[in-house]
Amino acid sequence: MSATNFAKYLQRMLAITDTGLTYTKDPFDRERYEDLRQILWSLLQDQTELNQEELTAIFQPSGSYATPLMDVRAWIVQDQKICLVRGQGEDTWALPGGFGEVGYSPKENIRKEVQEETGFFAEVGSLLAIFDTNRFQLQNKQYAKFVFDCQLLDGRFQENQEVAELGFFDIVSLPPLSEKRITKEQMDILWQVYQGEREQYID
């Protein structure tokens, strides 16, 4: 079994124990779920490359049914070049966007993220792809990554609390990517969908 598949199984078992601890009324079942989480903790420490902060995040009970989270990203192309942003204190780049916030639709979330990170208002167009992070960038939580085709409207970029730099890059000469946010494989898929070379991508 590959290390990636092993980590996915552990992630799934943690979700089951988290849900069990949320809903069980039986004290003996609660004890069993807590014992299982301790075993999984030991396995994850020994068998994965996650750091202590990521491990701690995994083991924080959600207090609700365990389910994948939402990430939204903006695909912005001008003159055949793709908009990427570099976060404060980082050397890598990603599509503008972030975690989905409660109370906003996916499109409302991406408008909010684009304005906060780039300084521009955005027109949100079609959904290009939905990526499963377990398929592309396994991490401490599973996300459904929604990527929308966007157009920049009025605005001006200024360095801000989240983003240090904004740039436009050719698909064949991308800067180092923040691979927990976007991978080269995902960028290539998005470019093909955008160019009409393949259909909308949904995992």
N, C-alpha and C. Protein backbone atom coordinates (compact mmCIF):
# COMPACT_ATOMS: atom_id res chain seq x y z
N MET A 1 0.84 -1.19 0.00
CA MET A 1 0.00 0.00 0.00
C MET A 1 0.88 1.25 0.00
N SER A 2 0.54 2.20 -0.85
CA SER A 2 1.32 3.42 -0.93
C SER A 2 1.10 4.28 0.32
N ALA A 3 2.07 5.17 0.59
CA ALA A 3 1.95 6.06 1.74
C ALA A 3 0.73 6.98 1.59
N THR A 4 0.44 7.39 0.34
CA THR A 4 -0.71 8.27 0.11
C THR A 4 -2.02 7.56 0.43
N ASN A 5 -2.17 6.32 -0.04
CA ASN A 5 -3.39 5.57 0.23
C ASN A 5 -3.53 5.29 1.72
N PHE A 6 -2.41 4.99 2.38
CA PHE A 6 -2.45 4.73 3.82
C PHE A 6 -2.95 5.97 4.56
N ALA A 7 -2.44 7.14 4.18
CA ALA A 7 -2.86 8.38 4.82
C ALA A 7 -4.35 8.65 4.58
N LYS A 8 -4.85 8.30 3.39
CA LYS A 8 -6.27 8.49 3.10
C LYS A 8 -7.13 7.60 3.99
N TYR A 9 -6.69 6.35 4.19
CA TYR A 9 -7.44 5.45 5.07
C TYR A 9 -7.47 5.99 6.50
N LEU A 10 -6.33 6.50 6.95
CA LEU A 10 -6.29 7.08 8.30
C LEU A 10 -7.21 8.29 8.39
N GLN A 11 -7.21 9.11 7.36
CA GLN A 11 -8.08 10.28 7.32
C GLN A 11 -9.54 9.86 7.41
N ARG A 12 -9.90 8.80 6.68
CA ARG A 12 -11.28 8.30 6.70
C ARG A 12 -11.66 7.75 8.08
N MET A 13 -10.74 7.02 8.70
CA MET A 13 -11.02 6.48 10.03
C MET A 13 -11.18 7.60 11.06
N LEU A 14 -10.37 8.66 10.93
CA LEU A 14 -10.52 9.79 11.84
C LEU A 14 -11.88 10.46 11.68
N ALA A 15 -12.35 10.56 10.43
CA ALA A 15 -13.67 11.16 10.19
C ALA A 15 -14.75 10.32 10.85
N ILE A 16 -14.62 9.00 10.77
CA ILE A 16 -15.61 8.11 11.39
C ILE A 16 -15.60 8.29 12.91
N THR A 17 -14.40 8.32 13.51
CA THR A 17 -14.34 8.49 14.97
C THR A 17 -14.85 9.86 15.39
N ASP A 18 -14.57 10.88 14.60
CA ASP A 18 -15.04 12.23 14.91
C ASP A 18 -16.56 12.28 14.92
N THR A 19 -17.17 11.68 13.88
CA THR A 19 -18.62 11.63 13.80
C THR A 19 -19.20 10.80 14.94
N GLY A 20 -18.54 9.67 15.26
CA GLY A 20 -18.99 8.83 16.36
C GLY A 20 -18.98 9.56 17.68
N LEU A 21 -17.90 10.30 17.96
CA LEU A 21 -17.81 11.05 19.21
C LEU A 21 -18.87 12.16 19.28
N THR A 22 -19.25 12.69 18.13
CA THR A 22 -20.26 13.75 18.10
C THR A 22 -21.64 13.23 18.45
N TYR A 23 -21.97 12.04 17.95
CA TYR A 23 -23.36 11.57 18.04
C TYR A 23 -23.61 10.46 19.06
N THR A 24 -22.56 9.77 19.52
CA THR A 24 -22.82 8.65 20.43
C THR A 24 -23.36 9.11 21.78
N LYS A 25 -24.27 8.34 22.32
CA LYS A 25 -24.79 8.59 23.67
C LYS A 25 -24.28 7.54 24.65
N ASP A 26 -23.60 6.53 24.10
CA ASP A 26 -23.13 5.40 24.92
C ASP A 26 -21.72 5.69 25.44
N PRO A 27 -21.51 5.70 26.76
CA PRO A 27 -20.18 6.00 27.31
C PRO A 27 -19.12 4.97 26.91
N PHE A 28 -19.53 3.72 26.69
CA PHE A 28 -18.57 2.70 26.28
C PHE A 28 -18.13 2.90 24.82
N ASP A 29 -19.08 3.29 23.97
CA ASP A 29 -18.72 3.61 22.59
C ASP A 29 -17.78 4.82 22.54
N ARG A 30 -18.06 5.83 23.37
CA ARG A 30 -17.20 7.02 23.41
C ARG A 30 -15.77 6.63 23.79
N GLU A 31 -15.66 5.74 24.77
CA GLU A 31 -14.33 5.28 25.18
C GLU A 31 -13.62 4.55 24.05
N ARG A 32 -14.36 3.74 23.30
CA ARG A 32 -13.76 3.01 22.18
C ARG A 32 -13.30 3.98 21.08
N TYR A 33 -14.13 4.97 20.76
CA TYR A 33 -13.74 5.96 19.74
C TYR A 33 -12.49 6.73 20.18
N GLU A 34 -12.43 7.09 21.44
CA GLU A 34 -11.26 7.83 21.94
C GLU A 34 -10.01 6.96 21.91
N ASP A 35 -10.16 5.67 22.23
CA ASP A 35 -9.01 4.74 22.13
C ASP A 35 -8.54 4.63 20.68
N LEU A 36 -9.49 4.53 19.77
CA LEU A 36 -9.13 4.41 18.36
C LEU A 36 -8.41 5.66 17.87
N ARG A 37 -8.86 6.84 18.33
CA ARG A 37 -8.18 8.08 17.92
C ARG A 37 -6.74 8.10 18.42
N GLN A 38 -6.49 7.58 19.61
CA GLN A 38 -5.12 7.53 20.13
C GLN A 38 -4.25 6.61 19.27
N ILE A 39 -4.81 5.49 18.84
CA ILE A 39 -4.07 4.58 17.96
C ILE A 39 -3.77 5.26 16.63
N LEU A 40 -4.77 5.94 16.08
CA LEU A 40 -4.59 6.64 14.80
C LEU A 40 -3.56 7.76 14.93
N TRP A 41 -3.56 8.44 16.07
CA TRP A 41 -2.56 9.48 16.35
C TRP A 41 -1.15 8.91 16.25
N SER A 42 -0.94 7.76 16.87
CA SER A 42 0.38 7.12 16.84
C SER A 42 0.77 6.72 15.42
N LEU A 43 -0.19 6.17 14.69
CA LEU A 43 0.09 5.76 13.31
C LEU A 43 0.44 6.96 12.43
N LEU A 44 -0.33 8.04 12.56
CA LEU A 44 -0.07 9.22 11.75
C LEU A 44 1.29 9.83 12.06
N GLN A 45 1.65 9.87 13.33
CA GLN A 45 2.96 10.42 13.70
C GLN A 45 4.09 9.61 13.08
N ASP A 46 3.91 8.30 13.00
CA ASP A 46 4.97 7.42 12.51
C ASP A 46 5.01 7.31 10.99
N GLN A 47 3.85 7.47 10.34
CA GLN A 47 3.75 7.08 8.94
C GLN A 47 3.51 8.23 7.96
N THR A 48 3.33 9.45 8.44
CA THR A 48 3.10 10.55 7.51
C THR A 48 4.16 11.62 7.69
N GLU A 49 4.20 12.56 6.73
CA GLU A 49 5.15 13.66 6.77
C GLU A 49 4.51 14.95 7.28
N LEU A 50 3.30 14.83 7.84
CA LEU A 50 2.63 16.02 8.39
C LEU A 50 3.39 16.54 9.60
N ASN A 51 3.46 17.88 9.72
CA ASN A 51 4.15 18.44 10.87
C ASN A 51 3.21 18.46 12.09
N GLN A 52 3.74 18.88 13.24
CA GLN A 52 2.97 18.82 14.48
C GLN A 52 1.71 19.69 14.41
N GLU A 53 1.82 20.84 13.79
CA GLU A 53 0.66 21.73 13.67
C GLU A 53 -0.45 21.08 12.85
N GLU A 54 -0.07 20.43 11.74
CA GLU A 54 -1.06 19.76 10.90
C GLU A 54 -1.69 18.57 11.62
N LEU A 55 -0.87 17.82 12.36
CA LEU A 55 -1.39 16.69 13.12
C LEU A 55 -2.38 17.16 14.18
N THR A 56 -2.04 18.24 14.85
CA THR A 56 -2.94 18.78 15.87
C THR A 56 -4.27 19.20 15.25
N ALA A 57 -4.21 19.82 14.07
CA ALA A 57 -5.43 20.25 13.39
C ALA A 57 -6.31 19.06 13.03
N ILE A 58 -5.70 17.96 12.61
CA ILE A 58 -6.46 16.77 12.25
C ILE A 58 -7.27 16.27 13.45
N PHE A 59 -6.66 16.33 14.62
CA PHE A 59 -7.27 15.70 15.79
C PHE A 59 -8.17 16.64 16.59
N GLN A 60 -8.41 17.83 16.09
CA GLN A 60 -9.38 18.70 16.74
C GLN A 60 -10.78 18.25 16.36
N PRO A 61 -11.59 17.79 17.31
CA PRO A 61 -12.94 17.33 16.97
C PRO A 61 -13.76 18.46 16.35
N SER A 62 -14.54 18.11 15.35
CA SER A 62 -15.34 19.13 14.67
C SER A 62 -16.64 19.42 15.40
N GLY A 63 -17.09 18.47 16.22
CA GLY A 63 -18.36 18.65 16.92
C GLY A 63 -19.56 18.51 16.00
N SER A 64 -19.35 17.98 14.80
CA SER A 64 -20.44 17.77 13.85
C SER A 64 -20.07 16.62 12.93
N TYR A 65 -20.96 16.32 12.00
CA TYR A 65 -20.68 15.24 11.07
C TYR A 65 -19.45 15.63 10.23
N ALA A 66 -18.48 14.74 10.15
CA ALA A 66 -17.25 15.02 9.41
C ALA A 66 -17.54 15.01 7.91
N THR A 67 -17.19 16.08 7.23
CA THR A 67 -17.48 16.21 5.80
C THR A 67 -16.39 17.04 5.13
N PRO A 68 -16.14 16.86 3.82
CA PRO A 68 -15.14 17.69 3.14
C PRO A 68 -15.49 19.18 3.23
N LEU A 69 -14.46 20.02 3.25
CA LEU A 69 -14.64 21.46 3.30
C LEU A 69 -14.56 22.05 1.88
N MET A 70 -14.80 23.35 1.77
CA MET A 70 -14.82 23.99 0.45
C MET A 70 -13.68 25.00 0.32
N ASP A 71 -13.05 24.97 -0.85
CA ASP A 71 -12.01 25.93 -1.21
C ASP A 71 -12.44 26.54 -2.54
N VAL A 72 -12.31 27.86 -2.69
CA VAL A 72 -12.68 28.51 -3.95
C VAL A 72 -11.45 29.20 -4.54
N ARG A 73 -11.31 29.11 -5.85
CA ARG A 73 -10.17 29.72 -6.54
C ARG A 73 -10.63 30.44 -7.80
N ALA A 74 -9.93 31.53 -8.14
CA ALA A 74 -10.27 32.33 -9.32
C ALA A 74 -9.26 32.07 -10.43
N TRP A 75 -9.78 31.73 -11.60
CA TRP A 75 -8.97 31.55 -12.81
C TRP A 75 -9.12 32.83 -13.63
N ILE A 76 -8.10 33.66 -13.64
CA ILE A 76 -8.13 34.97 -14.30
C ILE A 76 -7.04 34.99 -15.37
N VAL A 77 -7.44 35.21 -16.61
CA VAL A 77 -6.48 35.23 -17.73
C VAL A 77 -6.58 36.57 -18.45
N GLN A 78 -5.43 37.20 -18.64
CA GLN A 78 -5.34 38.42 -19.43
C GLN A 78 -4.16 38.28 -20.40
N ASP A 79 -4.42 38.53 -21.68
CA ASP A 79 -3.38 38.40 -22.71
C ASP A 79 -2.71 37.04 -22.64
N GLN A 80 -3.53 36.00 -22.44
CA GLN A 80 -3.06 34.61 -22.41
C GLN A 80 -2.11 34.32 -21.25
N LYS A 81 -2.17 35.16 -20.22
CA LYS A 81 -1.36 34.93 -19.03
C LYS A 81 -2.27 34.81 -17.81
N ILE A 82 -1.86 33.97 -16.87
CA ILE A 82 -2.69 33.59 -15.74
C ILE A 82 -2.30 34.40 -14.50
N CYS A 83 -3.31 34.91 -13.81
CA CYS A 83 -3.09 35.68 -12.59
C CYS A 83 -2.78 34.76 -11.42
N LEU A 84 -1.65 35.02 -10.76
CA LEU A 84 -1.26 34.31 -9.55
C LEU A 84 -0.89 35.32 -8.47
N VAL A 85 -1.02 34.91 -7.21
CA VAL A 85 -0.64 35.78 -6.11
C VAL A 85 0.36 35.06 -5.22
N ARG A 86 1.23 35.86 -4.61
CA ARG A 86 2.22 35.32 -3.66
C ARG A 86 1.88 35.83 -2.27
N GLY A 87 1.67 34.90 -1.35
CA GLY A 87 1.28 35.26 0.00
C GLY A 87 2.40 35.93 0.78
N GLN A 88 2.04 36.67 1.79
CA GLN A 88 3.02 37.32 2.67
C GLN A 88 3.93 36.26 3.31
N GLY A 89 5.23 36.50 3.23
CA GLY A 89 6.20 35.60 3.84
C GLY A 89 6.39 34.29 3.11
N GLU A 90 5.87 34.19 1.88
CA GLU A 90 5.97 32.96 1.10
C GLU A 90 6.79 33.19 -0.16
N ASP A 91 7.36 32.11 -0.68
CA ASP A 91 8.12 32.17 -1.93
C ASP A 91 7.35 31.53 -3.08
N THR A 92 6.16 30.99 -2.79
CA THR A 92 5.40 30.27 -3.79
C THR A 92 4.13 31.03 -4.14
N TRP A 93 3.51 30.62 -5.25
CA TRP A 93 2.38 31.35 -5.83
C TRP A 93 1.16 30.44 -5.96
N ALA A 94 -0.03 31.06 -6.04
CA ALA A 94 -1.27 30.29 -6.18
C ALA A 94 -2.32 31.14 -6.86
N LEU A 95 -3.39 30.49 -7.30
CA LEU A 95 -4.55 31.23 -7.80
C LEU A 95 -5.17 31.99 -6.63
N PRO A 96 -5.70 33.20 -6.86
CA PRO A 96 -6.40 33.91 -5.78
C PRO A 96 -7.55 33.06 -5.26
N GLY A 97 -7.77 33.12 -3.95
CA GLY A 97 -8.88 32.37 -3.37
C GLY A 97 -8.58 31.93 -1.96
N GLY A 98 -9.44 31.06 -1.45
CA GLY A 98 -9.25 30.58 -0.09
C GLY A 98 -10.41 29.71 0.35
N PHE A 99 -10.51 29.49 1.65
CA PHE A 99 -11.56 28.64 2.20
C PHE A 99 -12.92 29.31 2.03
N GLY A 100 -13.92 28.49 1.75
CA GLY A 100 -15.28 29.01 1.69
C GLY A 100 -15.77 29.40 3.07
N GLU A 101 -16.48 30.51 3.16
CA GLU A 101 -17.00 30.98 4.44
C GLU A 101 -18.51 30.77 4.51
N VAL A 102 -18.97 30.42 5.71
CA VAL A 102 -20.39 30.17 5.94
C VAL A 102 -21.18 31.46 5.67
N GLY A 103 -22.33 31.32 5.02
CA GLY A 103 -23.18 32.46 4.73
C GLY A 103 -23.01 33.01 3.33
N TYR A 104 -22.00 32.53 2.61
CA TYR A 104 -21.75 32.97 1.24
C TYR A 104 -21.90 31.78 0.29
N SER A 105 -22.43 32.02 -0.89
CA SER A 105 -22.45 31.00 -1.93
C SER A 105 -21.03 30.85 -2.49
N PRO A 106 -20.74 29.78 -3.26
CA PRO A 106 -19.40 29.68 -3.86
C PRO A 106 -19.01 30.91 -4.68
N LYS A 107 -19.95 31.44 -5.48
CA LYS A 107 -19.62 32.62 -6.29
C LYS A 107 -19.40 33.84 -5.42
N GLU A 108 -20.21 34.00 -4.39
CA GLU A 108 -20.02 35.13 -3.47
C GLU A 108 -18.69 35.00 -2.75
N ASN A 109 -18.32 33.79 -2.39
CA ASN A 109 -17.02 33.58 -1.75
C ASN A 109 -15.88 34.00 -2.65
N ILE A 110 -15.93 33.63 -3.92
CA ILE A 110 -14.80 33.94 -4.80
C ILE A 110 -14.73 35.44 -5.09
N ARG A 111 -15.88 36.12 -5.21
CA ARG A 111 -15.85 37.58 -5.38
C ARG A 111 -15.16 38.23 -4.18
N LYS A 112 -15.52 37.77 -3.00
CA LYS A 112 -14.94 38.31 -1.77
C LYS A 112 -13.43 38.06 -1.72
N GLU A 113 -13.00 36.84 -2.04
CA GLU A 113 -11.58 36.50 -2.00
C GLU A 113 -10.78 37.30 -3.01
N VAL A 114 -11.30 37.44 -4.22
CA VAL A 114 -10.59 38.20 -5.26
C VAL A 114 -10.42 39.65 -4.83
N GLN A 115 -11.47 40.25 -4.31
CA GLN A 115 -11.36 41.65 -3.90
C GLN A 115 -10.36 41.82 -2.76
N GLU A 116 -10.41 40.91 -1.78
CA GLU A 116 -9.50 41.02 -0.63
C GLU A 116 -8.04 40.81 -1.04
N GLU A 117 -7.79 39.87 -1.95
CA GLU A 117 -6.41 39.50 -2.29
C GLU A 117 -5.82 40.33 -3.42
N THR A 118 -6.66 40.76 -4.38
CA THR A 118 -6.11 41.46 -5.55
C THR A 118 -6.44 42.96 -5.56
N GLY A 119 -7.47 43.38 -4.81
CA GLY A 119 -7.90 44.77 -4.86
C GLY A 119 -8.90 45.05 -5.96
N PHE A 120 -9.24 44.06 -6.78
CA PHE A 120 -10.16 44.24 -7.90
C PHE A 120 -11.53 43.64 -7.59
N PHE A 121 -12.56 44.27 -8.11
CA PHE A 121 -13.86 43.60 -8.18
C PHE A 121 -13.79 42.60 -9.33
N ALA A 122 -14.58 41.53 -9.24
CA ALA A 122 -14.50 40.50 -10.27
C ALA A 122 -15.89 40.10 -10.73
N GLU A 123 -15.97 39.81 -12.02
CA GLU A 123 -17.15 39.16 -12.58
C GLU A 123 -16.88 37.66 -12.60
N VAL A 124 -17.74 36.89 -11.96
CA VAL A 124 -17.53 35.45 -11.86
C VAL A 124 -18.34 34.75 -12.96
N GLY A 125 -17.62 33.97 -13.76
CA GLY A 125 -18.25 33.27 -14.87
C GLY A 125 -18.50 31.81 -14.56
N SER A 126 -18.17 30.96 -15.51
CA SER A 126 -18.50 29.54 -15.42
C SER A 126 -17.55 28.80 -14.48
N LEU A 127 -18.04 27.69 -13.96
CA LEU A 127 -17.24 26.79 -13.13
C LEU A 127 -16.39 25.93 -14.06
N LEU A 128 -15.06 26.04 -13.92
CA LEU A 128 -14.16 25.29 -14.78
C LEU A 128 -13.88 23.89 -14.23
N ALA A 129 -13.76 23.79 -12.91
CA ALA A 129 -13.36 22.51 -12.33
C ALA A 129 -13.73 22.43 -10.86
N ILE A 130 -13.93 21.19 -10.41
CA ILE A 130 -13.99 20.89 -8.97
C ILE A 130 -12.96 19.80 -8.72
N PHE A 131 -11.95 20.13 -7.94
CA PHE A 131 -10.86 19.19 -7.64
C PHE A 131 -11.03 18.62 -6.23
N ASP A 132 -10.75 17.35 -6.08
CA ASP A 132 -10.70 16.70 -4.77
C ASP A 132 -9.25 16.77 -4.29
N THR A 133 -9.00 17.45 -3.17
CA THR A 133 -7.62 17.58 -2.71
C THR A 133 -6.99 16.24 -2.33
N ASN A 134 -7.81 15.25 -1.99
CA ASN A 134 -7.25 13.92 -1.72
C ASN A 134 -6.62 13.32 -2.97
N ARG A 135 -7.06 13.77 -4.12
CA ARG A 135 -6.50 13.27 -5.39
C ARG A 135 -5.23 14.03 -5.78
N PHE A 136 -5.18 15.33 -5.47
CA PHE A 136 -4.09 16.16 -5.96
C PHE A 136 -3.10 16.62 -4.90
N GLN A 137 -3.58 16.93 -3.70
CA GLN A 137 -2.69 17.47 -2.67
C GLN A 137 -3.18 17.04 -1.29
N LEU A 138 -2.99 15.78 -0.98
CA LEU A 138 -3.44 15.23 0.29
C LEU A 138 -2.88 16.06 1.45
N GLN A 139 -3.76 16.43 2.38
CA GLN A 139 -3.34 17.24 3.52
C GLN A 139 -4.19 16.89 4.74
N ASN A 140 -4.14 17.73 5.77
CA ASN A 140 -4.79 17.34 7.01
C ASN A 140 -6.31 17.32 6.94
N LYS A 141 -6.89 18.05 6.01
CA LYS A 141 -8.33 18.02 5.78
C LYS A 141 -8.59 17.78 4.29
N GLN A 142 -9.76 17.22 3.99
CA GLN A 142 -10.14 17.04 2.59
C GLN A 142 -10.98 18.22 2.15
N TYR A 143 -10.67 18.77 0.97
CA TYR A 143 -11.39 19.91 0.43
C TYR A 143 -11.93 19.60 -0.97
N ALA A 144 -13.08 20.17 -1.29
CA ALA A 144 -13.55 20.26 -2.67
C ALA A 144 -13.14 21.65 -3.15
N LYS A 145 -12.29 21.69 -4.18
CA LYS A 145 -11.73 22.96 -4.66
C LYS A 145 -12.50 23.40 -5.90
N PHE A 146 -13.28 24.49 -5.76
CA PHE A 146 -14.08 25.03 -6.87
C PHE A 146 -13.26 26.12 -7.57
N VAL A 147 -13.07 25.97 -8.88
CA VAL A 147 -12.31 26.98 -9.64
C VAL A 147 -13.23 27.61 -10.68
N PHE A 148 -13.41 28.94 -10.57
CA PHE A 148 -14.29 29.68 -11.46
C PHE A 148 -13.49 30.57 -12.42
N ASP A 149 -13.96 30.64 -13.65
CA ASP A 149 -13.42 31.58 -14.63
C ASP A 149 -13.88 32.98 -14.22
N CYS A 150 -12.94 33.91 -14.04
CA CYS A 150 -13.27 35.26 -13.56
C CYS A 150 -12.66 36.32 -14.46
N GLN A 151 -13.30 37.48 -14.48
CA GLN A 151 -12.77 38.65 -15.16
C GLN A 151 -12.59 39.78 -14.15
N LEU A 152 -11.42 40.44 -14.20
CA LEU A 152 -11.20 41.58 -13.31
C LEU A 152 -11.91 42.81 -13.84
N LEU A 153 -12.55 43.54 -12.94
CA LEU A 153 -13.24 44.77 -13.29
C LEU A 153 -12.45 45.95 -12.70
N ASP A 154 -13.11 46.87 -12.06
CA ASP A 154 -12.43 48.02 -11.50
C ASP A 154 -11.59 47.64 -10.28
N GLY A 155 -10.49 48.35 -10.10
CA GLY A 155 -9.67 48.12 -8.92
C GLY A 155 -8.20 48.34 -9.19
N ARG A 156 -7.41 48.12 -8.17
CA ARG A 156 -5.96 48.29 -8.30
C ARG A 156 -5.30 47.45 -7.20
N PHE A 157 -4.26 46.72 -7.59
CA PHE A 157 -3.60 45.88 -6.58
C PHE A 157 -2.75 46.73 -5.64
N GLN A 158 -2.88 46.43 -4.36
CA GLN A 158 -2.00 46.98 -3.35
C GLN A 158 -1.61 45.84 -2.40
N GLU A 159 -0.36 45.82 -2.02
CA GLU A 159 0.08 44.81 -1.05
C GLU A 159 -0.83 44.88 0.17
N ASN A 160 -1.22 43.73 0.67
CA ASN A 160 -2.17 43.70 1.77
C ASN A 160 -1.77 42.65 2.81
N GLN A 161 -2.63 42.42 3.78
CA GLN A 161 -2.32 41.52 4.89
C GLN A 161 -2.05 40.10 4.42
N GLU A 162 -2.72 39.67 3.35
CA GLU A 162 -2.57 38.30 2.87
C GLU A 162 -1.58 38.16 1.73
N VAL A 163 -1.56 39.12 0.82
CA VAL A 163 -0.83 38.97 -0.44
C VAL A 163 0.26 40.03 -0.58
N ALA A 164 1.46 39.56 -0.90
CA ALA A 164 2.59 40.46 -1.07
C ALA A 164 2.77 40.91 -2.52
N GLU A 165 2.33 40.07 -3.46
CA GLU A 165 2.63 40.36 -4.87
C GLU A 165 1.60 39.69 -5.76
N LEU A 166 1.27 40.34 -6.87
CA LEU A 166 0.38 39.80 -7.89
C LEU A 166 1.12 39.81 -9.21
N GLY A 167 0.96 38.75 -10.01
CA GLY A 167 1.62 38.71 -11.31
C GLY A 167 0.83 37.87 -12.30
N PHE A 168 1.16 38.04 -13.58
CA PHE A 168 0.53 37.26 -14.65
C PHE A 168 1.62 36.44 -15.33
N PHE A 169 1.35 35.14 -15.52
CA PHE A 169 2.37 34.21 -15.98
C PHE A 169 1.86 33.33 -17.13
N ASP A 170 2.77 33.04 -18.05
CA ASP A 170 2.47 32.11 -19.13
C ASP A 170 2.38 30.70 -18.56
N ILE A 171 1.50 29.88 -19.11
CA ILE A 171 1.30 28.52 -18.61
C ILE A 171 2.58 27.69 -18.72
N VAL A 172 3.48 28.03 -19.64
CA VAL A 172 4.70 27.24 -19.81
C VAL A 172 5.87 27.79 -18.98
N SER A 173 5.64 28.89 -18.28
CA SER A 173 6.73 29.44 -17.45
C SER A 173 6.17 29.93 -16.12
N LEU A 174 5.53 29.01 -15.41
CA LEU A 174 4.94 29.34 -14.11
C LEU A 174 6.01 29.45 -13.03
N PRO A 175 5.80 30.29 -12.05
CA PRO A 175 6.73 30.36 -10.91
C PRO A 175 6.52 29.16 -9.99
N PRO A 176 7.33 28.97 -8.95
CA PRO A 176 7.09 27.88 -7.99
C PRO A 176 5.68 28.01 -7.40
N LEU A 177 4.95 26.92 -7.40
CA LEU A 177 3.56 26.94 -6.94
C LEU A 177 3.43 26.48 -5.49
N SER A 178 2.45 27.05 -4.79
CA SER A 178 2.07 26.58 -3.46
C SER A 178 1.21 25.33 -3.66
N GLU A 179 1.83 24.16 -3.59
CA GLU A 179 1.16 22.95 -4.06
C GLU A 179 0.03 22.48 -3.16
N LYS A 180 -0.07 22.97 -1.93
CA LYS A 180 -1.25 22.67 -1.14
C LYS A 180 -2.46 23.46 -1.64
N ARG A 181 -2.21 24.50 -2.41
CA ARG A 181 -3.30 25.31 -2.97
C ARG A 181 -3.57 24.96 -4.43
N ILE A 182 -2.52 24.76 -5.21
CA ILE A 182 -2.69 24.44 -6.64
C ILE A 182 -1.43 23.73 -7.14
N THR A 183 -1.60 22.70 -7.93
CA THR A 183 -0.46 21.97 -8.47
C THR A 183 -0.32 22.25 -9.97
N LYS A 184 0.83 21.90 -10.52
CA LYS A 184 1.05 22.08 -11.96
C LYS A 184 0.04 21.25 -12.75
N GLU A 185 -0.26 20.04 -12.29
CA GLU A 185 -1.23 19.20 -12.99
C GLU A 185 -2.60 19.88 -13.02
N GLN A 186 -3.02 20.47 -11.91
CA GLN A 186 -4.29 21.18 -11.89
C GLN A 186 -4.27 22.39 -12.82
N MET A 187 -3.16 23.11 -12.84
CA MET A 187 -3.04 24.27 -13.73
C MET A 187 -3.16 23.84 -15.19
N ASP A 188 -2.53 22.74 -15.55
CA ASP A 188 -2.61 22.24 -16.93
C ASP A 188 -4.04 21.84 -17.29
N ILE A 189 -4.73 21.19 -16.35
CA ILE A 189 -6.13 20.81 -16.59
C ILE A 189 -6.98 22.06 -16.80
N LEU A 190 -6.81 23.06 -15.95
CA LEU A 190 -7.58 24.29 -16.06
C LEU A 190 -7.32 25.01 -17.37
N TRP A 191 -6.07 25.03 -17.79
CA TRP A 191 -5.73 25.67 -19.07
C TRP A 191 -6.42 24.97 -20.23
N GLN A 192 -6.45 23.63 -20.20
CA GLN A 192 -7.10 22.86 -21.26
C GLN A 192 -8.60 23.11 -21.28
N VAL A 193 -9.23 23.19 -20.09
CA VAL A 193 -10.67 23.48 -20.03
C VAL A 193 -10.92 24.89 -20.55
N TYR A 194 -10.11 25.84 -20.11
CA TYR A 194 -10.26 27.24 -20.52
C TYR A 194 -10.11 27.39 -22.04
N GLN A 195 -9.19 26.64 -22.62
CA GLN A 195 -8.95 26.71 -24.06
C GLN A 195 -9.96 25.91 -24.88
N GLY A 196 -10.85 25.19 -24.19
CA GLY A 196 -11.84 24.38 -24.90
C GLY A 196 -11.31 23.05 -25.38
N GLU A 197 -10.15 22.64 -24.86
CA GLU A 197 -9.52 21.40 -25.30
C GLU A 197 -10.05 20.19 -24.53
N ARG A 198 -10.75 20.43 -23.42
CA ARG A 198 -11.38 19.34 -22.67
C ARG A 198 -12.60 19.89 -21.96
N GLU A 199 -13.47 18.99 -21.52
CA GLU A 199 -14.69 19.41 -20.85
C GLU A 199 -14.41 19.84 -19.42
N GLN A 200 -15.40 20.49 -18.83
CA GLN A 200 -15.32 20.87 -17.42
C GLN A 200 -14.83 19.66 -16.60
N TYR A 201 -13.90 19.92 -15.68
CA TYR A 201 -13.31 18.82 -14.91
C TYR A 201 -13.96 18.75 -13.53
N ILE A 202 -14.54 17.59 -13.22
CA ILE A 202 -15.10 17.36 -11.90
C ILE A 202 -14.63 16.00 -11.41
N ASP A 203 -13.95 15.96 -10.27
CA ASP A 203 -13.49 14.68 -9.70
C ASP A 203 -14.67 13.83 -9.31
